[in-house]
């Protein structure tokens, strides 16, 4: 078998055990069969997956899914694929899909790097959202950060021309790194002079609101594919 360096890379996440609530477990049973997509080494057929042809946006690391649910509800003309490794977060978003009758959202519980490589066709995405990824704030752990040149190159390969990458973080040094890495990718162009204003479609989270009240910064970056 040929050696594949991605199988031995430094991962940008740590799988944390989490207990499902009764409602989350029920959501897995009731909503999972339709809205949870199994990881596979086969490219997705979006039209078959969603039952229509529409622009597709990939969200990487959706946490408990509140932002993802909000965006999917307010942008019914687009389809969304959310990728998250943590089971309670997946259960939470499945629960919201059921409660809010969200039809334009599918979830994959797997490593985003492998999902991107094995399931997302080249030049097929209208956008990518990476909101508040783990900052790995200790200097010795910075190498674990998701936004690194090889990953950004992989994202660009999956974007259609004119597609966008939207990152957000509340760690300033990670924002600086994101700006450097995204700005160094020749296939991308910045939509702003430096950091972007918060796009209206991204809601403020409770955590973010609390941080802003305490004077903490939040940085958005929006780059488009040339």
C-alpha atoms as a PDB file:
ATOM      1  CA  UNK A   1       0.000   0.000   0.000  1.00  0.00           C
ATOM      2  CA  UNK A   2       1.299   3.457  -0.912  1.00  0.00           C
ATOM      3  CA  UNK A   3       2.168   5.654   2.052  1.00  0.00           C
ATOM      4  CA  UNK A   4      -0.367   8.425   2.578  1.00  0.00           C
ATOM      5  CA  UNK A   5       0.990  11.222   4.793  1.00  0.00           C
ATOM      6  CA  UNK A   6      -2.510  12.432   5.637  1.00  0.00           C
ATOM      7  CA  UNK A   7      -3.095   9.195   7.538  1.00  0.00           C
ATOM      8  CA  UNK A   8      -0.268  10.102   9.952  1.00  0.00           C
ATOM      9  CA  UNK A   9      -0.631  13.854  10.206  1.00  0.00           C
ATOM     10  CA  UNK A  10      -0.961  15.987  13.330  1.00  0.00           C
ATOM     11  CA  UNK A  11      -4.669  16.270  14.045  1.00  0.00           C
ATOM     12  CA  UNK A  12      -6.308  19.604  14.774  1.00  0.00           C
ATOM     13  CA  UNK A  13      -8.758  18.165  17.270  1.00  0.00           C
ATOM     14  CA  UNK A  14      -8.930  15.911  20.295  1.00  0.00           C
ATOM     15  CA  UNK A  15     -11.914  13.607  20.550  1.00  0.00           C
ATOM     16  CA  UNK A  16     -13.578  14.328  23.881  1.00  0.00           C
ATOM     17  CA  UNK A  17     -16.032  11.932  25.452  1.00  0.00           C
ATOM     18  CA  UNK A  18     -19.408  13.521  25.949  1.00  0.00           C
ATOM     19  CA  UNK A  19     -22.682  12.201  27.281  1.00  0.00           C
ATOM     20  CA  UNK A  20     -25.712  12.517  25.040  1.00  0.00           C
ATOM     21  CA  UNK A  21     -28.857  13.957  26.518  1.00  0.00           C
ATOM     22  CA  UNK A  22     -32.030  11.937  26.117  1.00  0.00           C
ATOM     23  CA  UNK A  23     -33.241  14.410  23.478  1.00  0.00           C
ATOM     24  CA  UNK A  24     -29.958  14.227  21.552  1.00  0.00           C
ATOM     25  CA  UNK A  25     -30.014  10.426  21.573  1.00  0.00           C
ATOM     26  CA  UNK A  26     -33.594  10.504  20.303  1.00  0.00           C
ATOM     27  CA  UNK A  27     -32.526  12.900  17.537  1.00  0.00           C
ATOM     28  CA  UNK A  28     -29.861  10.421  16.397  1.00  0.00           C
ATOM     29  CA  UNK A  29     -32.550   7.740  16.140  1.00  0.00           C
ATOM     30  CA  UNK A  30     -35.211   9.886  14.503  1.00  0.00           C
ATOM     31  CA  UNK A  31     -33.251  12.362  12.353  1.00  0.00           C
ATOM     32  CA  UNK A  32     -29.962  10.509  11.829  1.00  0.00           C
ATOM     33  CA  UNK A  33     -31.149   8.151   9.061  1.00  0.00           C
ATOM     34  CA  UNK A  34     -32.008  11.075   6.767  1.00  0.00           C
ATOM     35  CA  UNK A  35     -29.656  13.856   7.816  1.00  0.00           C
ATOM     36  CA  UNK A  36     -26.491  12.070   9.007  1.00  0.00           C
ATOM     37  CA  UNK A  37     -24.228  11.014   6.136  1.00  0.00           C
ATOM     38  CA  UNK A  38     -21.736   8.203   6.733  1.00  0.00           C
ATOM     39  CA  UNK A  39     -18.107   8.905   5.912  1.00  0.00           C
ATOM     40  CA  UNK A  40     -17.052   7.108   2.766  1.00  0.00           C
ATOM     41  CA  UNK A  41     -14.206   7.229   0.289  1.00  0.00           C
ATOM     42  CA  UNK A  42     -16.574   8.266  -2.479  1.00  0.00           C
ATOM     43  CA  UNK A  43     -17.459  11.706  -3.781  1.00  0.00           C
ATOM     44  CA  UNK A  44     -20.877  13.017  -2.799  1.00  0.00           C
ATOM     45  CA  UNK A  45     -23.572  13.646  -5.378  1.00  0.00           C
ATOM     46  CA  UNK A  46     -25.114  16.837  -4.016  1.00  0.00           C
ATOM     47  CA  UNK A  47     -28.228  16.654  -6.186  1.00  0.00           C
ATOM     48  CA  UNK A  48     -28.918  13.154  -4.922  1.00  0.00           C
ATOM     49  CA  UNK A  49     -28.075  14.080  -1.331  1.00  0.00           C
ATOM     50  CA  UNK A  50     -30.376  17.118  -1.168  1.00  0.00           C
ATOM     51  CA  UNK A  51     -32.882  16.269  -3.853  1.00  0.00           C
ATOM     52  CA  UNK A  52     -32.139  19.444  -5.799  1.00  0.00           C
ATOM     53  CA  UNK A  53     -29.351  21.474  -7.363  1.00  0.00           C
ATOM     54  CA  UNK A  54     -28.268  24.484  -5.290  1.00  0.00           C
ATOM     55  CA  UNK A  55     -25.026  26.137  -4.131  1.00  0.00           C
ATOM     56  CA  UNK A  56     -23.363  24.046  -1.408  1.00  0.00           C
ATOM     57  CA  UNK A  57     -21.549  25.464   1.623  1.00  0.00           C
ATOM     58  CA  UNK A  58     -19.326  23.307   3.855  1.00  0.00           C
ATOM     59  CA  UNK A  59     -19.040  24.130   7.569  1.00  0.00           C
ATOM     60  CA  UNK A  60     -16.114  22.627   9.446  1.00  0.00           C
ATOM     61  CA  UNK A  61     -16.414  22.141  13.203  1.00  0.00           C
ATOM     62  CA  UNK A  62     -19.946  23.317  13.963  1.00  0.00           C
ATOM     63  CA  UNK A  63     -19.791  22.725  17.731  1.00  0.00           C
ATOM     64  CA  UNK A  64     -23.308  22.456  19.147  1.00  0.00           C
ATOM     65  CA  UNK A  65     -24.758  23.615  15.850  1.00  0.00           C
ATOM     66  CA  UNK A  66     -26.652  26.781  16.845  1.00  0.00           C
ATOM     67  CA  UNK A  67     -24.912  28.966  14.258  1.00  0.00           C
ATOM     68  CA  UNK A  68     -25.208  26.315  11.560  1.00  0.00           C
ATOM     69  CA  UNK A  69     -28.924  25.897  12.146  1.00  0.00           C
ATOM     70  CA  UNK A  70     -29.467  29.658  12.073  1.00  0.00           C
ATOM     71  CA  UNK A  71     -27.558  30.133   8.812  1.00  0.00           C
ATOM     72  CA  UNK A  72     -29.274  27.200   7.092  1.00  0.00           C
ATOM     73  CA  UNK A  73     -32.688  28.571   8.091  1.00  0.00           C
ATOM     74  CA  UNK A  74     -31.931  32.091   6.871  1.00  0.00           C
ATOM     75  CA  UNK A  75     -30.358  30.935   3.572  1.00  0.00           C
ATOM     76  CA  UNK A  76     -32.899  28.425   2.180  1.00  0.00           C
ATOM     77  CA  UNK A  77     -31.554  28.895  -1.351  1.00  0.00           C
ATOM     78  CA  UNK A  78     -28.284  27.154  -0.361  1.00  0.00           C
ATOM     79  CA  UNK A  79     -27.511  23.652   0.882  1.00  0.00           C
ATOM     80  CA  UNK A  80     -25.152  23.052   3.818  1.00  0.00           C
ATOM     81  CA  UNK A  81     -22.903  20.181   4.857  1.00  0.00           C
ATOM     82  CA  UNK A  82     -21.718  20.366   8.464  1.00  0.00           C
ATOM     83  CA  UNK A  83     -18.727  18.347   9.677  1.00  0.00           C
ATOM     84  CA  UNK A  84     -18.113  17.722  13.386  1.00  0.00           C
ATOM     85  CA  UNK A  85     -16.354  14.951  15.319  1.00  0.00           C
ATOM     86  CA  UNK A  86     -18.016  15.358  18.728  1.00  0.00           C
ATOM     87  CA  UNK A  87     -21.131  13.266  19.271  1.00  0.00           C
ATOM     88  CA  UNK A  88     -23.087  15.639  21.565  1.00  0.00           C
ATOM     89  CA  UNK A  89     -22.685  18.452  19.025  1.00  0.00           C
ATOM     90  CA  UNK A  90     -23.971  16.246  16.229  1.00  0.00           C
ATOM     91  CA  UNK A  91     -26.893  15.180  18.419  1.00  0.00           C
ATOM     92  CA  UNK A  92     -27.641  18.799  19.279  1.00  0.00           C
ATOM     93  CA  UNK A  93     -27.770  19.862  15.634  1.00  0.00           C
ATOM     94  CA  UNK A  94     -29.861  16.835  14.640  1.00  0.00           C
ATOM     95  CA  UNK A  95     -32.293  17.883  17.380  1.00  0.00           C
ATOM     96  CA  UNK A  96     -32.448  21.413  15.967  1.00  0.00           C
ATOM     97  CA  UNK A  97     -32.989  20.065  12.455  1.00  0.00           C
ATOM     98  CA  UNK A  98     -36.045  18.234  13.730  1.00  0.00           C
ATOM     99  CA  UNK A  99     -37.368  21.102  15.830  1.00  0.00           C
ATOM    100  CA  UNK A 100     -36.903  23.738  13.112  1.00  0.00           C
ATOM    101  CA  UNK A 101     -37.696  21.513  10.111  1.00  0.00           C
ATOM    102  CA  UNK A 102     -34.394  22.309   8.402  1.00  0.00           C
ATOM    103  CA  UNK A 103     -34.282  20.490   5.077  1.00  0.00           C
ATOM    104  CA  UNK A 104     -31.148  21.996   3.509  1.00  0.00           C
ATOM    105  CA  UNK A 105     -28.595  20.613   5.962  1.00  0.00           C
ATOM    106  CA  UNK A 106     -26.692  17.314   6.126  1.00  0.00           C
ATOM    107  CA  UNK A 107     -24.116  16.256   8.724  1.00  0.00           C
ATOM    108  CA  UNK A 108     -20.977  14.135   8.620  1.00  0.00           C
ATOM    109  CA  UNK A 109     -19.443  12.973  11.916  1.00  0.00           C
ATOM    110  CA  UNK A 110     -15.841  12.511  10.893  1.00  0.00           C
ATOM    111  CA  UNK A 111     -12.452  14.207  10.539  1.00  0.00           C
ATOM    112  CA  UNK A 112     -12.923  17.208   8.223  1.00  0.00           C
ATOM    113  CA  UNK A 113      -9.580  16.708   6.467  1.00  0.00           C
ATOM    114  CA  UNK A 114     -10.622  13.232   5.347  1.00  0.00           C
ATOM    115  CA  UNK A 115     -14.158  14.321   4.461  1.00  0.00           C
ATOM    116  CA  UNK A 116     -12.729  17.106   2.310  1.00  0.00           C
ATOM    117  CA  UNK A 117     -10.288  14.764   0.585  1.00  0.00           C
ATOM    118  CA  UNK A 118     -12.575  11.800   0.026  1.00  0.00           C
ATOM    119  CA  UNK A 119     -16.141  13.124  -0.233  1.00  0.00           C
ATOM    120  CA  UNK A 120     -16.115  16.691  -1.604  1.00  0.00           C
ATOM    121  CA  UNK A 121     -15.691  16.998  -5.396  1.00  0.00           C
ATOM    122  CA  UNK A 122     -13.161  19.482  -6.731  1.00  0.00           C
ATOM    123  CA  UNK A 123     -14.443  22.954  -7.685  1.00  0.00           C
ATOM    124  CA  UNK A 124     -17.889  22.163  -6.252  1.00  0.00           C
ATOM    125  CA  UNK A 125     -18.368  24.379  -3.176  1.00  0.00           C
ATOM    126  CA  UNK A 126     -19.890  27.840  -3.081  1.00  0.00           C
ATOM    127  CA  UNK A 127     -18.330  28.484   0.312  1.00  0.00           C
ATOM    128  CA  UNK A 128     -16.558  27.160   3.389  1.00  0.00           C
ATOM    129  CA  UNK A 129     -17.225  28.280   6.980  1.00  0.00           C
ATOM    130  CA  UNK A 130     -14.657  27.731   9.748  1.00  0.00           C
ATOM    131  CA  UNK A 131     -15.966  29.496  12.838  1.00  0.00           C
ATOM    132  CA  UNK A 132     -13.965  29.585  16.083  1.00  0.00           C
ATOM    133  CA  UNK A 133     -11.753  26.539  15.489  1.00  0.00           C
ATOM    134  CA  UNK A 134      -9.715  25.282  18.427  1.00  0.00           C
ATOM    135  CA  UNK A 135      -6.999  27.960  18.879  1.00  0.00           C
ATOM    136  CA  UNK A 136      -4.442  25.603  20.428  1.00  0.00           C
ATOM    137  CA  UNK A 137      -3.259  28.714  22.223  1.00  0.00           C
ATOM    138  CA  UNK A 138      -0.076  27.313  23.758  1.00  0.00           C
ATOM    139  CA  UNK A 139       2.829  28.036  21.418  1.00  0.00           C
ATOM    140  CA  UNK A 140       3.996  24.430  21.393  1.00  0.00           C
ATOM    141  CA  UNK A 141       0.538  23.380  20.171  1.00  0.00           C
ATOM    142  CA  UNK A 142       0.190  25.957  17.371  1.00  0.00           C
ATOM    143  CA  UNK A 143       1.152  23.289  14.832  1.00  0.00           C
ATOM    144  CA  UNK A 144      -2.187  21.597  15.562  1.00  0.00           C
ATOM    145  CA  UNK A 145      -4.194  24.548  14.284  1.00  0.00           C
ATOM    146  CA  UNK A 146      -6.474  23.735  11.388  1.00  0.00           C
ATOM    147  CA  UNK A 147      -5.729  26.797   9.263  1.00  0.00           C
ATOM    148  CA  UNK A 148      -2.351  25.859   7.804  1.00  0.00           C
ATOM    149  CA  UNK A 149      -1.117  26.232   4.189  1.00  0.00           C
ATOM    150  CA  UNK A 150      -1.736  22.614   3.059  1.00  0.00           C
ATOM    151  CA  UNK A 151      -5.303  22.645   4.385  1.00  0.00           C
ATOM    152  CA  UNK A 152      -6.092  26.025   2.841  1.00  0.00           C
ATOM    153  CA  UNK A 153      -4.765  24.724  -0.490  1.00  0.00           C
ATOM    154  CA  UNK A 154      -7.062  21.705  -0.139  1.00  0.00           C
ATOM    155  CA  UNK A 155     -10.017  24.008   0.571  1.00  0.00           C
ATOM    156  CA  UNK A 156      -9.222  26.071  -2.516  1.00  0.00           C
ATOM    157  CA  UNK A 157      -9.216  22.944  -4.674  1.00  0.00           C
ATOM    158  CA  UNK A 158     -12.787  22.216  -3.542  1.00  0.00           C
ATOM    159  CA  UNK A 159     -14.096  25.769  -4.099  1.00  0.00           C
ATOM    160  CA  UNK A 160     -15.785  26.747  -7.331  1.00  0.00           C
ATOM    161  CA  UNK A 161     -14.411  29.928  -8.944  1.00  0.00           C
ATOM    162  CA  UNK A 162     -15.781  32.859  -6.972  1.00  0.00           C
ATOM    163  CA  UNK A 163     -16.416  30.649  -3.938  1.00  0.00           C
ATOM    164  CA  UNK A 164     -15.415  31.944  -0.523  1.00  0.00           C
ATOM    165  CA  UNK A 165     -13.702  30.908   2.697  1.00  0.00           C
ATOM    166  CA  UNK A 166     -15.025  32.604   5.846  1.00  0.00           C
ATOM    167  CA  UNK A 167     -13.030  32.112   9.052  1.00  0.00           C
ATOM    168  CA  UNK A 168     -13.696  33.656  12.450  1.00  0.00           C
ATOM    169  CA  UNK A 169     -11.713  33.521  15.674  1.00  0.00           C
ATOM    170  CA  UNK A 170     -11.558  35.274  19.041  1.00  0.00           C
ATOM    171  CA  UNK A 171      -7.821  34.617  19.468  1.00  0.00           C
ATOM    172  CA  UNK A 172      -5.827  37.504  18.032  1.00  0.00           C
ATOM    173  CA  UNK A 173      -2.641  35.576  17.332  1.00  0.00           C
ATOM    174  CA  UNK A 174      -4.664  32.934  15.477  1.00  0.00           C
ATOM    175  CA  UNK A 175      -6.346  35.726  13.506  1.00  0.00           C
ATOM    176  CA  UNK A 176      -2.892  37.003  12.531  1.00  0.00           C
ATOM    177  CA  UNK A 177      -1.895  33.493  11.440  1.00  0.00           C
ATOM    178  CA  UNK A 178      -5.134  33.062   9.467  1.00  0.00           C
ATOM    179  CA  UNK A 179      -4.564  36.354   7.673  1.00  0.00           C
ATOM    180  CA  UNK A 180      -0.996  35.364   6.794  1.00  0.00           C
ATOM    181  CA  UNK A 181      -1.904  31.864   5.605  1.00  0.00           C
ATOM    182  CA  UNK A 182      -4.977  32.868   3.605  1.00  0.00           C
ATOM    183  CA  UNK A 183      -3.158  35.873   2.170  1.00  0.00           C
ATOM    184  CA  UNK A 184      -0.257  33.700   1.021  1.00  0.00           C
ATOM    185  CA  UNK A 185      -2.483  31.316  -0.951  1.00  0.00           C
ATOM    186  CA  UNK A 186      -2.203  32.443  -4.603  1.00  0.00           C
ATOM    187  CA  UNK A 187      -5.665  31.136  -5.515  1.00  0.00           C
ATOM    188  CA  UNK A 188      -7.358  33.453  -2.994  1.00  0.00           C
ATOM    189  CA  UNK A 189      -8.026  37.164  -2.763  1.00  0.00           C
ATOM    190  CA  UNK A 190      -9.068  39.079   0.336  1.00  0.00           C
ATOM    191  CA  UNK A 191     -12.467  40.778   0.251  1.00  0.00           C
ATOM    192  CA  UNK A 192     -11.233  43.431   2.696  1.00  0.00           C
ATOM    193  CA  UNK A 193      -8.138  45.369   3.608  1.00  0.00           C
ATOM    194  CA  UNK A 194      -7.072  42.947   6.319  1.00  0.00           C
ATOM    195  CA  UNK A 195      -9.935  41.676   8.467  1.00  0.00           C
ATOM    196  CA  UNK A 196     -13.513  41.759   7.239  1.00  0.00           C
ATOM    197  CA  UNK A 197     -16.569  43.112   8.979  1.00  0.00           C
ATOM    198  CA  UNK A 198     -18.811  40.410  10.388  1.00  0.00           C
ATOM    199  CA  UNK A 199     -21.062  39.234   7.537  1.00  0.00           C
ATOM    200  CA  UNK A 200     -24.733  39.608   8.424  1.00  0.00           C
ATOM    201  CA  UNK A 201     -25.425  35.892   7.998  1.00  0.00           C
ATOM    202  CA  UNK A 202     -23.108  34.930  10.878  1.00  0.00           C
ATOM    203  CA  UNK A 203     -25.027  35.395  14.147  1.00  0.00           C
ATOM    204  CA  UNK A 204     -23.350  36.433  17.373  1.00  0.00           C
ATOM    205  CA  UNK A 205     -23.080  33.477  19.732  1.00  0.00           C
ATOM    206  CA  UNK A 206     -23.778  33.764  23.476  1.00  0.00           C
ATOM    207  CA  UNK A 207     -20.082  33.155  24.119  1.00  0.00           C
ATOM    208  CA  UNK A 208     -19.130  35.849  21.601  1.00  0.00           C
ATOM    209  CA  UNK A 209     -21.569  38.383  23.074  1.00  0.00           C
ATOM    210  CA  UNK A 210     -20.126  37.770  26.538  1.00  0.00           C
ATOM    211  CA  UNK A 211     -16.605  38.222  25.211  1.00  0.00           C
ATOM    212  CA  UNK A 212     -17.470  41.442  23.431  1.00  0.00           C
ATOM    213  CA  UNK A 213     -18.963  42.849  26.626  1.00  0.00           C
ATOM    214  CA  UNK A 214     -15.651  42.073  28.343  1.00  0.00           C
ATOM    215  CA  UNK A 215     -13.729  43.837  25.607  1.00  0.00           C
ATOM    216  CA  UNK A 216     -12.488  40.730  23.811  1.00  0.00           C
ATOM    217  CA  UNK A 217     -12.000  40.972  20.068  1.00  0.00           C
ATOM    218  CA  UNK A 218     -13.448  38.812  17.307  1.00  0.00           C
ATOM    219  CA  UNK A 219     -11.879  38.689  13.865  1.00  0.00           C
ATOM    220  CA  UNK A 220     -13.618  37.643  10.634  1.00  0.00           C
ATOM    221  CA  UNK A 221     -11.732  36.873   7.445  1.00  0.00           C
ATOM    222  CA  UNK A 222     -13.442  36.396   4.084  1.00  0.00           C
ATOM    223  CA  UNK A 223     -11.419  35.373   1.037  1.00  0.00           C
ATOM    224  CA  UNK A 224     -12.703  34.423  -2.407  1.00  0.00           C
ATOM    225  CA  UNK A 225     -11.272  32.085  -5.024  1.00  0.00           C
ATOM    226  CA  UNK A 226      -9.918  33.873  -8.067  1.00  0.00           C
END
